[in-house]
Each structure stands twice: as C-alpha cells, then as structure tokens.
Amino acid sequence: MSKPLEFCFDFISPFSYVAWHALPHYLEQTDAELKITPVFLGAIMQNTGNRPPGLVPAKGAYMADDLQRCCKRYGIEFRMHPKFPAINTRPLLRAVIALDDQPGEQKKLMDAVFHAMWAAPEPLDTEDQAQVEALCINAGLDWSQVKAAMEDETTKDQLRTNTDGVIQRGAFGAPSFFVGETLFFGHDRLDYAVEALNEAGK
C-alpha cells in the first residue's frame, strides 16, 4: 500500500478551493488514501516570512486571472470573497478537525464551506454564526456538533499542532501536500505527488 496523500489547507486560500476539486482526478490515479490536515495559513505565512500574493501588486493581478483559468479547468465557479484576506476561518478549520473520524461528514462540511467561500453568489461571512449555522443545516450536518467543535480547546490545540508541524516540515503556504516527508506546494504539483505515491507503493 502506498503512503497517504496529505492535504494541508486553509479555507482562506482560494487555491485550496481549487485543490479540493482537483484532488478526485488525481486520487483516481493511485490507491493512496487522502489525509486531511487543516492548518492556519496566517501563522504559516508569518513564521516563514512569506507574503500574500495580494500584497505584491503584479502577483495579485496575475493571481486573479490564474484563478479563473484554474477553476475553468475543473469546471467550478469562482468569485473572489469581498473580505479576502481578512477572513477568520479558524473555527471552521477546528470543526473539520473534530470530524476526522467521520470522513463523510467531514467532506460535507468541506464541500459546503469551500463553495460558500469561493463560489456562492452571497459569500459566507464566517463571523456571522447564523450564516454558519444555516450552511451546516443545509449541508445535512449536526449543527450542535459543529458548534461545539468550533469552540473546543482540544481542536484549538490540534490546529496549532497541525500548523506548527507543517512549518517544521517545510511548508510555507497552502495548499501544501505531503507524501511522507516530501512537500509538494500547490494544486499544480499534484501530478508529481501522484508519481511519488505510486513509486512509494511499489
């Protein structure tokens, strides 16, 4: 059996949204399982000296066009969130962590949040608990479970642990992928990750 493909993401990252939709295509090419690792991108950027693309004017202009190209490739809609990058995603990342032993429910939550953040005509305000509650209920999730996870000290600690761990392993942004301890940055490196997975499984 090959090593798992670890997906390190933050909902605040629009390219993590692209990666979430690209992953099924690449997972078809390997027997590897997907490991979900929510991380806090702000802390990664701060600790590695990285800068958001929007703070580099030329890079920000390029990113806007590139995101549209990437989304077109995977047949998904994209709308830039009006509050980007000032969006607090940590409570929702903690909820994903709490659902790690319920992959079906975890996927429901990730599908719903990624869509609401980056595709919905009315983008999700993560600070509006009524909106978050409605999103969870519409996705068929147990809101009381999600709400408790968002506020739980254990999931807060785990998010910090995840974030510190990927920084120590060399991550500097999101989405990041690991095959064992080998880092692949960006959804456009998933083909290399699959090669590594299949090689490891031989």
Protein backbone atom coordinates (compact mmCIF):
# COMPACT_ATOMS: atom_id res chain seq x y z
CA MET A 1 0.00 0.00 0.00
CA SER A 2 1.30 3.47 -0.85
CA LYS A 3 1.71 6.26 1.65
CA PRO A 4 -1.24 8.61 2.18
CA LEU A 5 -1.53 11.89 0.32
CA GLU A 6 -1.73 14.60 2.96
CA PHE A 7 -3.72 17.71 2.02
CA CYS A 8 -2.80 20.74 4.16
CA PHE A 9 -5.23 23.59 3.60
CA ASP A 10 -6.95 26.65 4.96
CA PHE A 11 -10.39 27.71 3.73
CA ILE A 12 -8.97 31.24 3.32
CA SER A 13 -6.81 30.03 0.44
CA PRO A 14 -8.62 30.20 -2.93
CA PHE A 15 -6.09 27.79 -4.39
CA SER A 16 -7.00 25.32 -1.64
CA TYR A 17 -10.54 25.53 -3.04
CA VAL A 18 -9.16 24.66 -6.48
CA ALA A 19 -7.10 21.84 -4.99
CA TRP A 20 -10.14 20.35 -3.23
CA HIS A 21 -11.83 19.98 -6.62
CA ALA A 22 -8.67 18.80 -8.39
CA LEU A 23 -7.95 16.05 -5.87
CA PRO A 24 -10.54 13.48 -7.05
CA HIS A 25 -9.00 13.41 -10.53
CA TYR A 26 -5.54 12.70 -9.13
CA LEU A 27 -6.68 10.22 -6.48
CA GLU A 28 -8.12 8.08 -9.29
CA GLN A 29 -4.53 7.52 -10.42
CA THR A 30 -3.35 5.97 -7.16
CA ASP A 31 -4.58 3.68 -4.39
CA ALA A 32 -3.45 6.17 -1.74
CA GLU A 33 -5.80 7.42 0.91
CA LEU A 34 -6.32 11.13 1.48
CA LYS A 35 -5.28 12.60 4.82
CA ILE A 36 -6.93 15.91 5.70
CA THR A 37 -4.79 18.38 7.69
CA PRO A 38 -6.38 21.77 8.39
CA VAL A 39 -3.78 24.48 9.09
CA PHE A 40 -3.83 28.18 9.93
CA LEU A 41 -2.33 29.88 6.90
CA GLY A 42 -1.76 33.21 8.65
CA ALA A 43 0.64 31.62 11.12
CA ILE A 44 2.45 29.77 8.33
CA MET A 45 2.97 33.00 6.38
CA GLN A 46 4.14 34.87 9.45
CA ASN A 47 6.54 32.19 10.61
CA THR A 48 8.11 31.63 7.20
CA GLY A 49 8.33 35.26 6.07
CA ASN A 50 6.00 34.61 3.15
CA ARG A 51 3.69 37.31 1.81
CA PRO A 52 0.12 37.03 0.49
CA PRO A 53 0.03 37.44 -3.31
CA GLY A 54 -2.34 40.38 -2.99
CA LEU A 55 0.38 42.39 -1.25
CA VAL A 56 2.56 42.11 -4.36
CA PRO A 57 0.64 44.13 -6.99
CA ALA A 58 1.90 42.29 -10.08
CA LYS A 59 1.42 38.91 -8.42
CA GLY A 60 -2.05 39.86 -7.23
CA ALA A 61 -3.10 40.85 -10.75
CA TYR A 62 -1.74 37.59 -12.12
CA MET A 63 -3.48 35.55 -9.41
CA ALA A 64 -6.89 36.96 -10.35
CA ASP A 65 -6.55 35.72 -13.93
CA ASP A 66 -4.88 32.47 -12.93
CA LEU A 67 -7.66 31.54 -10.52
CA GLN A 68 -10.21 31.88 -13.31
CA ARG A 69 -8.12 29.63 -15.57
CA CYS A 70 -7.71 27.02 -12.85
CA CYS A 71 -11.40 26.99 -11.98
CA LYS A 72 -12.37 26.70 -15.64
CA ARG A 73 -10.16 23.60 -15.95
CA TYR A 74 -12.03 21.84 -13.15
CA GLY A 75 -15.47 23.13 -14.11
CA ILE A 76 -16.05 25.10 -10.93
CA GLU A 77 -17.31 28.61 -10.32
CA PHE A 78 -15.19 31.24 -8.65
CA ARG A 79 -15.99 34.56 -7.01
CA MET A 80 -13.38 36.47 -5.05
CA HIS A 81 -14.50 36.86 -1.45
CA PRO A 82 -15.01 40.58 -0.75
CA LYS A 83 -13.31 40.30 2.65
CA PHE A 84 -10.25 38.40 1.41
CA PRO A 85 -7.79 38.07 3.06
CA ALA A 86 -9.38 39.35 6.28
CA ILE A 87 -11.46 36.21 6.90
CA ASN A 88 -11.41 34.24 10.16
CA THR A 89 -11.52 30.57 9.17
CA ARG A 90 -10.07 29.06 12.34
CA PRO A 91 -13.39 28.00 13.94
CA LEU A 92 -14.39 26.15 10.76
CA LEU A 93 -10.97 24.51 10.50
CA ARG A 94 -11.40 23.29 14.07
CA ALA A 95 -14.76 21.77 13.10
CA VAL A 96 -13.06 19.87 10.25
CA ILE A 97 -10.54 18.51 12.74
CA ALA A 98 -13.33 17.26 15.02
CA LEU A 99 -14.87 15.32 12.13
CA ASP A 100 -11.67 13.45 11.31
CA ASP A 101 -13.22 10.14 12.41
CA GLN A 102 -16.35 10.83 10.32
CA PRO A 103 -14.97 11.27 6.78
CA GLY A 104 -18.39 11.52 5.18
CA GLU A 105 -19.46 14.34 7.48
CA GLN A 106 -16.06 15.96 7.15
CA LYS A 107 -16.40 16.01 3.38
CA LYS A 108 -19.90 17.51 3.64
CA LEU A 109 -18.52 20.34 5.73
CA MET A 110 -15.54 20.97 3.47
CA ASP A 111 -17.70 20.92 0.33
CA ALA A 112 -20.15 23.36 1.88
CA VAL A 113 -17.57 25.80 3.25
CA PHE A 114 -15.39 25.87 0.15
CA HIS A 115 -18.45 26.53 -2.02
CA ALA A 116 -19.81 29.20 0.31
CA MET A 117 -16.44 30.93 0.49
CA TRP A 118 -15.44 30.90 -3.17
CA ALA A 119 -18.42 30.15 -5.42
CA ALA A 120 -21.67 31.26 -3.81
CA PRO A 121 -23.32 34.46 -5.09
CA GLU A 122 -23.60 35.57 -1.45
CA PRO A 123 -20.24 34.66 0.10
CA LEU A 124 -20.14 33.24 3.60
CA ASP A 125 -19.43 35.67 6.43
CA THR A 126 -17.56 33.37 8.80
CA GLU A 127 -18.15 35.77 11.70
CA ASP A 128 -21.93 35.53 11.31
CA GLN A 129 -22.93 32.48 13.32
CA ALA A 130 -26.43 32.46 11.86
CA GLN A 131 -24.93 32.09 8.37
CA VAL A 132 -22.60 29.32 9.52
CA GLU A 133 -25.48 27.53 11.25
CA ALA A 134 -27.65 27.73 8.12
CA LEU A 135 -24.77 26.43 5.99
CA CYS A 136 -24.32 23.41 8.25
CA ILE A 137 -28.01 22.61 8.44
CA ASN A 138 -28.40 22.90 4.66
CA ALA A 139 -25.45 20.53 4.24
CA GLY A 140 -27.13 17.96 6.48
CA LEU A 141 -24.68 18.39 9.33
CA ASP A 142 -25.34 18.31 13.07
CA TRP A 143 -25.04 21.99 13.94
CA SER A 144 -24.67 21.35 17.67
CA GLN A 145 -21.71 19.06 16.97
CA VAL A 146 -20.08 21.56 14.62
CA LYS A 147 -20.65 24.47 17.01
CA ALA A 148 -19.14 22.58 19.92
CA ALA A 149 -16.10 21.64 17.82
CA MET A 150 -15.55 25.25 16.78
CA GLU A 151 -15.23 26.27 20.42
CA ASP A 152 -13.43 23.21 21.82
CA GLU A 153 -9.99 23.66 23.39
CA THR A 154 -8.87 20.27 22.07
CA THR A 155 -9.50 21.25 18.45
CA LYS A 156 -7.84 24.63 19.06
CA ASP A 157 -4.74 22.82 20.29
CA GLN A 158 -4.82 20.41 17.35
CA LEU A 159 -5.00 23.24 14.82
CA ARG A 160 -1.92 24.80 16.42
CA THR A 161 -0.18 21.42 16.41
CA ASN A 162 -1.05 20.87 12.74
CA THR A 163 0.22 24.31 11.81
CA ASP A 164 3.46 24.07 13.77
CA GLY A 165 4.03 20.60 12.36
CA VAL A 166 3.76 21.56 8.70
CA ILE A 167 6.00 24.59 9.26
CA GLN A 168 8.64 22.31 10.76
CA ARG A 169 8.31 20.04 7.71
CA GLY A 170 8.94 22.90 5.30
CA ALA A 171 5.51 24.24 4.36
CA PHE A 172 5.33 27.94 3.51
CA GLY A 173 1.81 28.28 2.13
CA ALA A 174 -1.39 26.50 1.16
CA PRO A 175 -2.36 24.22 -0.34
CA SER A 176 0.57 22.01 0.58
CA PHE A 177 0.73 18.28 0.03
CA PHE A 178 2.97 15.72 1.66
CA VAL A 179 3.90 12.22 0.59
CA GLY A 180 5.72 11.05 3.68
CA GLU A 181 8.03 13.97 4.41
CA THR A 182 8.25 15.18 0.80
CA LEU A 183 6.49 18.51 0.23
CA PHE A 184 4.58 19.43 -2.92
CA PHE A 185 3.27 23.00 -2.99
CA GLY A 186 0.19 23.97 -4.97
CA HIS A 187 -2.55 22.02 -6.74
CA ASP A 188 -0.48 22.18 -9.93
CA ARG A 189 2.06 19.83 -8.36
CA LEU A 190 -0.43 17.05 -7.70
CA ASP A 191 0.82 15.05 -10.69
CA TYR A 192 4.27 14.94 -9.08
CA ALA A 193 2.71 13.91 -5.79
CA VAL A 194 0.88 11.05 -7.50
CA GLU A 195 4.14 9.90 -9.10
CA ALA A 196 5.73 9.87 -5.65
CA LEU A 197 2.79 7.97 -4.19
CA ASN A 198 2.87 5.32 -6.87
CA GLU A 199 6.63 4.97 -6.59
CA ALA A 200 6.34 4.55 -2.83
CA GLY A 201 3.70 1.86 -3.30
CA LYS A 202 5.88 -0.37 -5.44
